Amino acid sequence: MKLLSTIAAIVALAVSPVGAQTLRVGTFQKQAVVVAFYRSPLWSETTKAKIAERDAAKKANDTAKVQELEAWGSGHQELSHRQLAGEAPITNIMEALAPALPEIAKRAGVSLIAEDIAFTDPSIQKVDITDLLLTHLNADARTLAIIHDLRKQKP
């Protein structure tokens, strides 16, 4: 009898599809994350530090440093516009969020977080983690309103 149940178990394993387990992948709305990041305390701290650095360079008459920091500011302003339009990668944002991603993935119950997924087979379950990212970025009511308006504009 024990031999029959062992054989039945082996047959059941052989017949069941390998990898039938669902993989949960966290996805997010890039525009929402871009808006929330550039309006976040995290980004505010970065810009305040750069402004203080620029002001110190001005006091020291270090025109090269002033120009470098002003170029940094202009460059990031341009980058943020391109990111919002979907014309530039959000690498800097993902790097800033990297320390929080394991905990966000755990809270969402996902094994992977991806910006874009062009195709998935039925064994993949997409889980929208946008709200968890917005919470981490401390998105305030005004930021959430901006994101809501952007979502309404999408076709």
C-alpha atoms as a PDB file:
ATOM      1  CA  MET A   1       0.000   0.000   0.000  1.00  0.00           C
ATOM      2  CA  LYS A   2       2.827   2.373   0.884  1.00  0.00           C
ATOM      3  CA  LEU A   3       4.395   1.629  -2.505  1.00  0.00           C
ATOM      4  CA  LEU A   4       1.159   2.598  -4.286  1.00  0.00           C
ATOM      5  CA  SER A   5       0.883   5.950  -2.460  1.00  0.00           C
ATOM      6  CA  THR A   6       4.548   6.702  -3.221  1.00  0.00           C
ATOM      7  CA  ILE A   7       3.990   5.932  -6.905  1.00  0.00           C
ATOM      8  CA  ALA A   8       0.819   8.063  -6.913  1.00  0.00           C
ATOM      9  CA  ALA A   9       2.743  10.987  -5.410  1.00  0.00           C
ATOM     10  CA  ILE A  10       5.510  10.662  -8.006  1.00  0.00           C
ATOM     11  CA  VAL A  11       2.961  10.534 -10.829  1.00  0.00           C
ATOM     12  CA  ALA A  12       1.152  13.582  -9.430  1.00  0.00           C
ATOM     13  CA  LEU A  13       4.422  15.531  -9.333  1.00  0.00           C
ATOM     14  CA  ALA A  14       5.318  14.443 -12.837  1.00  0.00           C
ATOM     15  CA  VAL A  15       1.936  15.475 -14.240  1.00  0.00           C
ATOM     16  CA  SER A  16       1.681  18.854 -12.475  1.00  0.00           C
ATOM     17  CA  PRO A  17       3.285  21.711 -14.400  1.00  0.00           C
ATOM     18  CA  VAL A  18       6.697  22.730 -13.166  1.00  0.00           C
ATOM     19  CA  GLY A  19       6.822  26.291 -11.877  1.00  0.00           C
ATOM     20  CA  ALA A  20       3.041  26.602 -11.514  1.00  0.00           C
ATOM     21  CA  GLN A  21       3.656  28.869  -8.539  1.00  0.00           C
ATOM     22  CA  THR A  22       2.625  32.467  -9.156  1.00  0.00           C
ATOM     23  CA  LEU A  23       5.375  35.074  -9.009  1.00  0.00           C
ATOM     24  CA  ARG A  24       4.190  38.402  -7.603  1.00  0.00           C
ATOM     25  CA  VAL A  25       5.906  41.409  -9.187  1.00  0.00           C
ATOM     26  CA  GLY A  26       5.569  44.919  -7.806  1.00  0.00           C
ATOM     27  CA  THR A  27       4.969  47.570 -10.450  1.00  0.00           C
ATOM     28  CA  PHE A  28       4.376  51.278 -10.134  1.00  0.00           C
ATOM     29  CA  GLN A  29       3.217  54.309 -12.044  1.00  0.00           C
ATOM     30  CA  LYS A  30       6.378  56.159 -12.992  1.00  0.00           C
ATOM     31  CA  GLN A  31       4.812  59.609 -13.315  1.00  0.00           C
ATOM     32  CA  ALA A  32       3.375  59.373  -9.807  1.00  0.00           C
ATOM     33  CA  VAL A  33       6.733  58.358  -8.354  1.00  0.00           C
ATOM     34  CA  VAL A  34       8.556  61.133 -10.246  1.00  0.00           C
ATOM     35  CA  VAL A  35       6.160  63.791  -8.917  1.00  0.00           C
ATOM     36  CA  ALA A  36       6.267  62.426  -5.367  1.00  0.00           C
ATOM     37  CA  PHE A  37      10.066  62.149  -5.371  1.00  0.00           C
ATOM     38  CA  TYR A  38      10.741  65.713  -6.504  1.00  0.00           C
ATOM     39  CA  ARG A  39       8.183  67.049  -4.012  1.00  0.00           C
ATOM     40  CA  SER A  40       9.465  64.850  -1.166  1.00  0.00           C
ATOM     41  CA  PRO A  41      11.419  65.765   1.958  1.00  0.00           C
ATOM     42  CA  LEU A  42      14.149  63.457   0.640  1.00  0.00           C
ATOM     43  CA  TRP A  43      14.664  65.632  -2.445  1.00  0.00           C
ATOM     44  CA  SER A  44      14.155  68.821  -0.454  1.00  0.00           C
ATOM     45  CA  GLU A  45      17.074  67.870   1.807  1.00  0.00           C
ATOM     46  CA  THR A  46      19.273  67.291  -1.236  1.00  0.00           C
ATOM     47  CA  THR A  47      18.433  70.630  -2.820  1.00  0.00           C
ATOM     48  CA  LYS A  48      18.794  72.527   0.464  1.00  0.00           C
ATOM     49  CA  ALA A  49      22.284  71.083   0.871  1.00  0.00           C
ATOM     50  CA  LYS A  50      23.226  72.094  -2.690  1.00  0.00           C
ATOM     51  CA  ILE A  51      21.835  75.608  -2.167  1.00  0.00           C
ATOM     52  CA  ALA A  52      23.827  75.958   1.058  1.00  0.00           C
ATOM     53  CA  GLU A  53      26.920  74.740  -0.779  1.00  0.00           C
ATOM     54  CA  ARG A  54      26.292  77.260  -3.569  1.00  0.00           C
ATOM     55  CA  ASP A  55      25.773  80.099  -1.081  1.00  0.00           C
ATOM     56  CA  ALA A  56      29.021  79.207   0.670  1.00  0.00           C
ATOM     57  CA  ALA A  57      30.807  79.210  -2.694  1.00  0.00           C
ATOM     58  CA  LYS A  58      29.352  82.651  -3.447  1.00  0.00           C
ATOM     59  CA  LYS A  59      30.642  83.984  -0.106  1.00  0.00           C
ATOM     60  CA  ALA A  60      34.062  82.522  -0.877  1.00  0.00           C
ATOM     61  CA  ASN A  61      33.980  84.066  -4.383  1.00  0.00           C
ATOM     62  CA  ASP A  62      34.450  80.583  -5.855  1.00  0.00           C
ATOM     63  CA  THR A  63      32.784  81.294  -9.194  1.00  0.00           C
ATOM     64  CA  ALA A  64      33.724  77.916 -10.655  1.00  0.00           C
ATOM     65  CA  LYS A  65      31.968  76.112  -7.797  1.00  0.00           C
ATOM     66  CA  VAL A  66      28.954  78.438  -8.061  1.00  0.00           C
ATOM     67  CA  GLN A  67      28.677  77.717 -11.782  1.00  0.00           C
ATOM     68  CA  GLU A  68      29.040  73.971 -11.157  1.00  0.00           C
ATOM     69  CA  LEU A  69      26.261  73.982  -8.557  1.00  0.00           C
ATOM     70  CA  GLU A  70      23.961  76.140 -10.664  1.00  0.00           C
ATOM     71  CA  ALA A  71      24.535  73.763 -13.584  1.00  0.00           C
ATOM     72  CA  TRP A  72      23.673  70.872 -11.253  1.00  0.00           C
ATOM     73  CA  GLY A  73      20.391  72.588 -10.383  1.00  0.00           C
ATOM     74  CA  SER A  74      19.525  73.349 -13.999  1.00  0.00           C
ATOM     75  CA  GLY A  75      20.471  69.841 -15.050  1.00  0.00           C
ATOM     76  CA  HIS A  76      18.249  68.240 -12.426  1.00  0.00           C
ATOM     77  CA  GLN A  77      15.378  70.566 -13.328  1.00  0.00           C
ATOM     78  CA  GLU A  78      15.676  69.457 -16.952  1.00  0.00           C
ATOM     79  CA  LEU A  79      16.041  65.808 -15.919  1.00  0.00           C
ATOM     80  CA  SER A  80      12.898  65.944 -13.780  1.00  0.00           C
ATOM     81  CA  HIS A  81      10.884  67.343 -16.712  1.00  0.00           C
ATOM     82  CA  ARG A  82      12.205  64.635 -19.031  1.00  0.00           C
ATOM     83  CA  GLN A  83      11.474  61.942 -16.446  1.00  0.00           C
ATOM     84  CA  LEU A  84       7.933  63.212 -15.983  1.00  0.00           C
ATOM     85  CA  ALA A  85       7.430  63.117 -19.748  1.00  0.00           C
ATOM     86  CA  GLY A  86       8.792  59.553 -19.848  1.00  0.00           C
ATOM     87  CA  GLU A  87      11.787  60.627 -21.930  1.00  0.00           C
ATOM     88  CA  ALA A  88      14.486  59.847 -19.355  1.00  0.00           C
ATOM     89  CA  PRO A  89      15.110  56.900 -17.024  1.00  0.00           C
ATOM     90  CA  ILE A  90      14.418  57.341 -13.324  1.00  0.00           C
ATOM     91  CA  THR A  91      17.696  55.802 -12.239  1.00  0.00           C
ATOM     92  CA  ASN A  92      18.478  58.514  -9.677  1.00  0.00           C
ATOM     93  CA  ILE A  93      15.041  58.104  -8.089  1.00  0.00           C
ATOM     94  CA  MET A  94      15.349  54.319  -7.887  1.00  0.00           C
ATOM     95  CA  GLU A  95      18.810  54.681  -6.340  1.00  0.00           C
ATOM     96  CA  ALA A  96      17.383  57.039  -3.707  1.00  0.00           C
ATOM     97  CA  LEU A  97      14.548  54.585  -3.005  1.00  0.00           C
ATOM     98  CA  ALA A  98      16.807  51.492  -2.980  1.00  0.00           C
ATOM     99  CA  PRO A  99      17.238  51.287   0.805  1.00  0.00           C
ATOM    100  CA  ALA A 100      13.444  51.192   1.281  1.00  0.00           C
ATOM    101  CA  LEU A 101      12.603  48.739  -1.515  1.00  0.00           C
ATOM    102  CA  PRO A 102      13.140  45.486   0.446  1.00  0.00           C
ATOM    103  CA  GLU A 103      10.680  46.597   3.135  1.00  0.00           C
ATOM    104  CA  ILE A 104       8.192  47.875   0.533  1.00  0.00           C
ATOM    105  CA  ALA A 105       8.444  44.558  -1.332  1.00  0.00           C
ATOM    106  CA  LYS A 106       7.862  42.673   1.912  1.00  0.00           C
ATOM    107  CA  ARG A 107       4.805  44.779   2.785  1.00  0.00           C
ATOM    108  CA  ALA A 108       3.376  44.233  -0.709  1.00  0.00           C
ATOM    109  CA  GLY A 109       4.194  40.529  -0.713  1.00  0.00           C
ATOM    110  CA  VAL A 110       6.195  40.752  -3.935  1.00  0.00           C
ATOM    111  CA  SER A 111       9.427  39.044  -4.945  1.00  0.00           C
ATOM    112  CA  LEU A 112      10.483  41.629  -7.498  1.00  0.00           C
ATOM    113  CA  ILE A 113       9.923  45.312  -8.238  1.00  0.00           C
ATOM    114  CA  ALA A 114      10.050  46.455 -11.855  1.00  0.00           C
ATOM    115  CA  GLU A 115       9.468  49.773 -13.584  1.00  0.00           C
ATOM    116  CA  ASP A 116       8.048  48.335 -16.772  1.00  0.00           C
ATOM    117  CA  ILE A 117       6.720  44.952 -17.752  1.00  0.00           C
ATOM    118  CA  ALA A 118       5.976  44.627 -21.442  1.00  0.00           C
ATOM    119  CA  PHE A 119       4.650  41.071 -21.202  1.00  0.00           C
ATOM    120  CA  THR A 120       3.796  38.512 -18.560  1.00  0.00           C
ATOM    121  CA  ASP A 121       2.579  34.961 -18.775  1.00  0.00           C
ATOM    122  CA  PRO A 122      -0.243  33.760 -16.506  1.00  0.00           C
ATOM    123  CA  SER A 123       2.196  32.684 -13.792  1.00  0.00           C
ATOM    124  CA  ILE A 124       3.077  36.331 -13.107  1.00  0.00           C
ATOM    125  CA  GLN A 125       0.851  38.493 -10.944  1.00  0.00           C
ATOM    126  CA  LYS A 126       1.409  42.244 -11.146  1.00  0.00           C
ATOM    127  CA  VAL A 127       0.886  44.120  -7.885  1.00  0.00           C
ATOM    128  CA  ASP A 128       0.678  47.913  -7.977  1.00  0.00           C
ATOM    129  CA  ILE A 129       2.968  49.275  -5.243  1.00  0.00           C
ATOM    130  CA  THR A 130       2.626  52.932  -6.248  1.00  0.00           C
ATOM    131  CA  ASP A 131       0.789  53.872  -3.059  1.00  0.00           C
ATOM    132  CA  LEU A 132       3.460  52.255  -0.883  1.00  0.00           C
ATOM    133  CA  LEU A 133       6.135  54.268  -2.705  1.00  0.00           C
ATOM    134  CA  LEU A 134       4.108  57.477  -2.316  1.00  0.00           C
ATOM    135  CA  THR A 135       3.730  56.781   1.397  1.00  0.00           C
ATOM    136  CA  HIS A 136       7.469  56.218   1.735  1.00  0.00           C
ATOM    137  CA  LEU A 137       8.103  59.530  -0.042  1.00  0.00           C
ATOM    138  CA  ASN A 138       5.707  61.281   2.351  1.00  0.00           C
ATOM    139  CA  ALA A 139       3.472  62.509  -0.456  1.00  0.00           C
ATOM    140  CA  ASP A 140       1.308  65.272   0.959  1.00  0.00           C
ATOM    141  CA  ALA A 141      -2.261  66.162  -0.054  1.00  0.00           C
ATOM    142  CA  ARG A 142      -1.108  68.610  -2.741  1.00  0.00           C
ATOM    143  CA  THR A 143       1.247  66.030  -4.259  1.00  0.00           C
ATOM    144  CA  LEU A 144      -1.520  63.434  -4.285  1.00  0.00           C
ATOM    145  CA  ALA A 145      -3.836  65.961  -5.993  1.00  0.00           C
ATOM    146  CA  ILE A 146      -1.219  66.604  -8.691  1.00  0.00           C
ATOM    147  CA  ILE A 147      -0.812  62.863  -9.235  1.00  0.00           C
ATOM    148  CA  HIS A 148      -4.587  62.421  -9.379  1.00  0.00           C
ATOM    149  CA  ASP A 149      -4.812  65.146 -12.054  1.00  0.00           C
ATOM    150  CA  LEU A 150      -2.003  63.529 -14.068  1.00  0.00           C
ATOM    151  CA  ARG A 151      -3.786  60.177 -13.970  1.00  0.00           C
ATOM    152  CA  LYS A 152      -6.983  61.789 -15.307  1.00  0.00           C
ATOM    153  CA  GLN A 153      -5.024  63.250 -18.274  1.00  0.00           C
ATOM    154  CA  LYS A 154      -3.741  59.836 -19.373  1.00  0.00           C
ATOM    155  CA  PRO A 155      -5.693  58.405 -22.305  1.00  0.00           C
END
